[in-house]
């Protein structure tokens, strides 16, 4: 029995013509759809498929970075829907800003962090807060604001309220 196995040989024969014909499709892919040709052309189907990459990027951005769709820290359905709505609106703003700032060599989140340097100067009159003045931003920041067509107000009323948008979740809720 062992002698028979030792006598067997395996040969690889390459069909060069078939290999070359197959290599013409390297890097290509096929998209199948049940849409009739009248409903959408092949080019339209291809473009919609390519748009999926942008949708996936949007969900990735919403789930991570500054938008943080997760973790869900709300308990009722209305609040969950409200949370998702706010995150989606924030994503729309990020998309708008990325289009406005595509000529700059920076990410939207980097620019937003830089814009956080704009602060309010309280102006007091007779010892009481009269208003808050918005100082003129540095040239780089001003350029980002102009490209996004954002005009800052020169003054704001004093609110006397400090708003904290990031809150640490207690360990018991994690």
Protein backbone atom coordinates (compact mmCIF):
# COMPACT_ATOMS: atom_id res chain seq x y z
CA UNK A 1 0.00 0.00 0.00
CA UNK A 2 2.79 2.39 0.82
CA UNK A 3 4.53 1.76 -2.49
CA UNK A 4 1.50 2.94 -4.48
CA UNK A 5 1.35 6.28 -2.64
CA UNK A 6 5.03 6.86 -3.18
CA UNK A 7 4.62 6.46 -6.93
CA UNK A 8 1.86 9.06 -7.26
CA UNK A 9 2.80 12.49 -8.56
CA UNK A 10 0.94 15.77 -8.66
CA UNK A 11 1.32 18.07 -11.63
CA UNK A 12 0.25 21.71 -11.84
CA UNK A 13 -0.72 22.80 -15.29
CA UNK A 14 -1.41 26.49 -15.67
CA UNK A 15 -3.83 27.66 -18.33
CA UNK A 16 -2.11 30.93 -19.27
CA UNK A 17 -4.95 32.17 -21.50
CA UNK A 18 -7.56 31.64 -18.73
CA UNK A 19 -5.30 33.29 -16.15
CA UNK A 20 -4.82 36.38 -18.34
CA UNK A 21 -8.55 36.63 -19.07
CA UNK A 22 -9.31 36.35 -15.36
CA UNK A 23 -6.64 38.93 -14.43
CA UNK A 24 -8.43 41.56 -16.55
CA UNK A 25 -11.07 41.64 -13.82
CA UNK A 26 -8.59 42.18 -10.97
CA UNK A 27 -9.87 44.99 -8.76
CA UNK A 28 -13.37 44.81 -10.25
CA UNK A 29 -16.51 43.81 -8.43
CA UNK A 30 -20.04 42.94 -9.40
CA UNK A 31 -23.10 44.63 -7.94
CA UNK A 32 -26.36 42.75 -8.35
CA UNK A 33 -29.70 44.43 -7.89
CA UNK A 34 -33.31 43.54 -8.47
CA UNK A 35 -34.06 47.04 -9.80
CA UNK A 36 -35.17 47.14 -13.43
CA UNK A 37 -32.90 49.05 -15.81
CA UNK A 38 -35.61 51.67 -16.26
CA UNK A 39 -35.59 52.46 -12.50
CA UNK A 40 -31.83 52.96 -12.23
CA UNK A 41 -28.95 52.76 -14.63
CA UNK A 42 -25.83 50.75 -13.89
CA UNK A 43 -24.00 54.02 -13.17
CA UNK A 44 -26.68 55.12 -10.66
CA UNK A 45 -26.54 51.76 -8.86
CA UNK A 46 -22.75 52.01 -8.73
CA UNK A 47 -22.88 55.56 -7.31
CA UNK A 48 -25.41 54.57 -4.64
CA UNK A 49 -23.20 51.63 -3.68
CA UNK A 50 -20.22 53.96 -3.33
CA UNK A 51 -22.36 56.24 -1.11
CA UNK A 52 -22.60 53.37 1.38
CA UNK A 53 -18.99 54.03 2.36
CA UNK A 54 -19.98 57.54 3.44
CA UNK A 55 -22.93 56.18 5.42
CA UNK A 56 -20.67 53.69 7.19
CA UNK A 57 -18.17 56.47 7.95
CA UNK A 58 -21.02 58.57 9.37
CA UNK A 59 -22.14 55.80 11.71
CA UNK A 60 -18.53 55.21 12.77
CA UNK A 61 -18.16 58.92 13.54
CA UNK A 62 -21.45 58.99 15.47
CA UNK A 63 -20.44 56.00 17.59
CA UNK A 64 -16.97 57.31 18.44
CA UNK A 65 -15.05 60.58 18.72
CA UNK A 66 -16.87 63.63 20.06
CA UNK A 67 -20.38 62.69 18.98
CA UNK A 68 -20.53 59.53 21.12
CA UNK A 69 -23.89 58.02 20.22
CA UNK A 70 -23.02 55.24 22.62
CA UNK A 71 -23.33 54.42 25.48
CA UNK A 72 -27.05 54.90 25.84
CA UNK A 73 -27.60 56.47 29.25
CA UNK A 74 -31.27 57.22 28.78
CA UNK A 75 -34.04 54.88 29.86
CA UNK A 76 -37.29 55.76 28.10
CA UNK A 77 -38.01 55.55 24.37
CA UNK A 78 -38.62 59.27 23.87
CA UNK A 79 -35.28 60.19 25.42
CA UNK A 80 -33.48 57.52 23.41
CA UNK A 81 -34.98 58.90 20.20
CA UNK A 82 -34.12 62.44 21.30
CA UNK A 83 -30.52 61.42 22.02
CA UNK A 84 -30.19 59.80 18.59
CA UNK A 85 -31.74 62.87 16.93
CA UNK A 86 -29.28 65.23 18.61
CA UNK A 87 -26.34 63.02 17.55
CA UNK A 88 -27.60 62.90 13.95
CA UNK A 89 -28.01 66.68 13.88
CA UNK A 90 -24.48 67.03 15.24
CA UNK A 91 -23.29 64.72 12.47
CA UNK A 92 -24.99 66.96 9.88
CA UNK A 93 -23.08 69.91 11.32
CA UNK A 94 -19.80 67.96 11.18
CA UNK A 95 -20.47 67.05 7.52
CA UNK A 96 -21.22 70.71 6.71
CA UNK A 97 -18.04 71.88 8.44
CA UNK A 98 -15.92 69.22 6.73
CA UNK A 99 -17.16 70.48 3.34
CA UNK A 100 -16.44 74.07 4.33
CA UNK A 101 -12.99 73.28 5.69
CA UNK A 102 -11.82 70.71 3.14
CA UNK A 103 -9.15 73.13 1.87
CA UNK A 104 -7.51 73.25 5.32
CA UNK A 105 -4.98 70.66 6.38
CA UNK A 106 -6.85 69.59 9.52
CA UNK A 107 -9.74 67.48 10.69
CA UNK A 108 -13.05 69.00 11.75
CA UNK A 109 -12.61 67.85 15.34
CA UNK A 110 -9.16 69.47 15.51
CA UNK A 111 -10.64 72.74 14.26
CA UNK A 112 -13.49 72.56 16.78
CA UNK A 113 -10.99 72.01 19.59
CA UNK A 114 -9.05 75.07 18.40
CA UNK A 115 -12.26 77.12 18.26
CA UNK A 116 -12.84 76.32 21.93
CA UNK A 117 -10.13 78.89 22.64
CA UNK A 118 -12.66 81.64 21.93
CA UNK A 119 -13.90 82.69 25.33
CA UNK A 120 -16.18 85.35 26.71
CA UNK A 121 -14.91 88.43 28.57
CA UNK A 122 -17.36 89.58 31.24
CA UNK A 123 -17.92 93.34 31.25
CA UNK A 124 -19.22 94.80 34.51
CA UNK A 125 -21.00 98.04 35.21
CA UNK A 126 -21.30 99.36 38.77
CA UNK A 127 -20.14 96.01 40.10
CA UNK A 128 -22.85 94.05 38.30
CA UNK A 129 -22.36 91.99 35.15
CA UNK A 130 -23.62 94.10 32.26
CA UNK A 131 -22.79 91.82 29.32
CA UNK A 132 -20.18 89.44 27.96
CA UNK A 133 -17.92 90.53 25.13
CA UNK A 134 -16.71 88.11 22.46
CA UNK A 135 -13.08 88.97 21.64
CA UNK A 136 -11.86 89.03 18.05
CA UNK A 137 -10.49 85.56 17.27
CA UNK A 138 -6.96 84.93 16.04
CA UNK A 139 -6.54 85.06 12.23
CA UNK A 140 -6.51 81.24 11.85
CA UNK A 141 -9.69 80.86 13.87
CA UNK A 142 -11.30 83.77 12.06
CA UNK A 143 -10.50 82.10 8.75
CA UNK A 144 -12.24 78.87 9.84
CA UNK A 145 -15.29 80.85 10.93
CA UNK A 146 -15.41 82.78 7.64
CA UNK A 147 -15.10 79.59 5.56
CA UNK A 148 -18.08 78.09 7.44
CA UNK A 149 -20.00 81.36 7.07
CA UNK A 150 -20.25 81.71 10.86
CA UNK A 151 -20.53 85.20 12.28
CA UNK A 152 -19.92 85.60 15.98
CA UNK A 153 -21.98 88.01 18.00
CA UNK A 154 -19.99 90.84 19.56
CA UNK A 155 -21.82 90.69 22.89
CA UNK A 156 -23.94 88.24 24.84
CA UNK A 157 -26.15 88.85 27.87
CA UNK A 158 -24.80 87.64 31.21
CA UNK A 159 -26.39 84.37 32.15
CA UNK A 160 -24.58 83.63 35.37
CA UNK A 161 -25.09 79.94 34.63
CA UNK A 162 -22.25 77.55 33.97
CA UNK A 163 -23.19 74.65 31.70
CA UNK A 164 -21.18 71.43 31.78
CA UNK A 165 -21.82 69.24 28.77
CA UNK A 166 -19.67 66.27 29.73
CA UNK A 167 -20.67 64.43 32.85
CA UNK A 168 -18.91 61.42 34.31
CA UNK A 169 -21.19 58.46 34.76
CA UNK A 170 -21.05 56.94 38.22
CA UNK A 171 -19.42 53.52 38.40
CA UNK A 172 -22.69 51.95 39.50
CA UNK A 173 -24.32 52.86 36.15
CA UNK A 174 -21.51 51.49 33.97
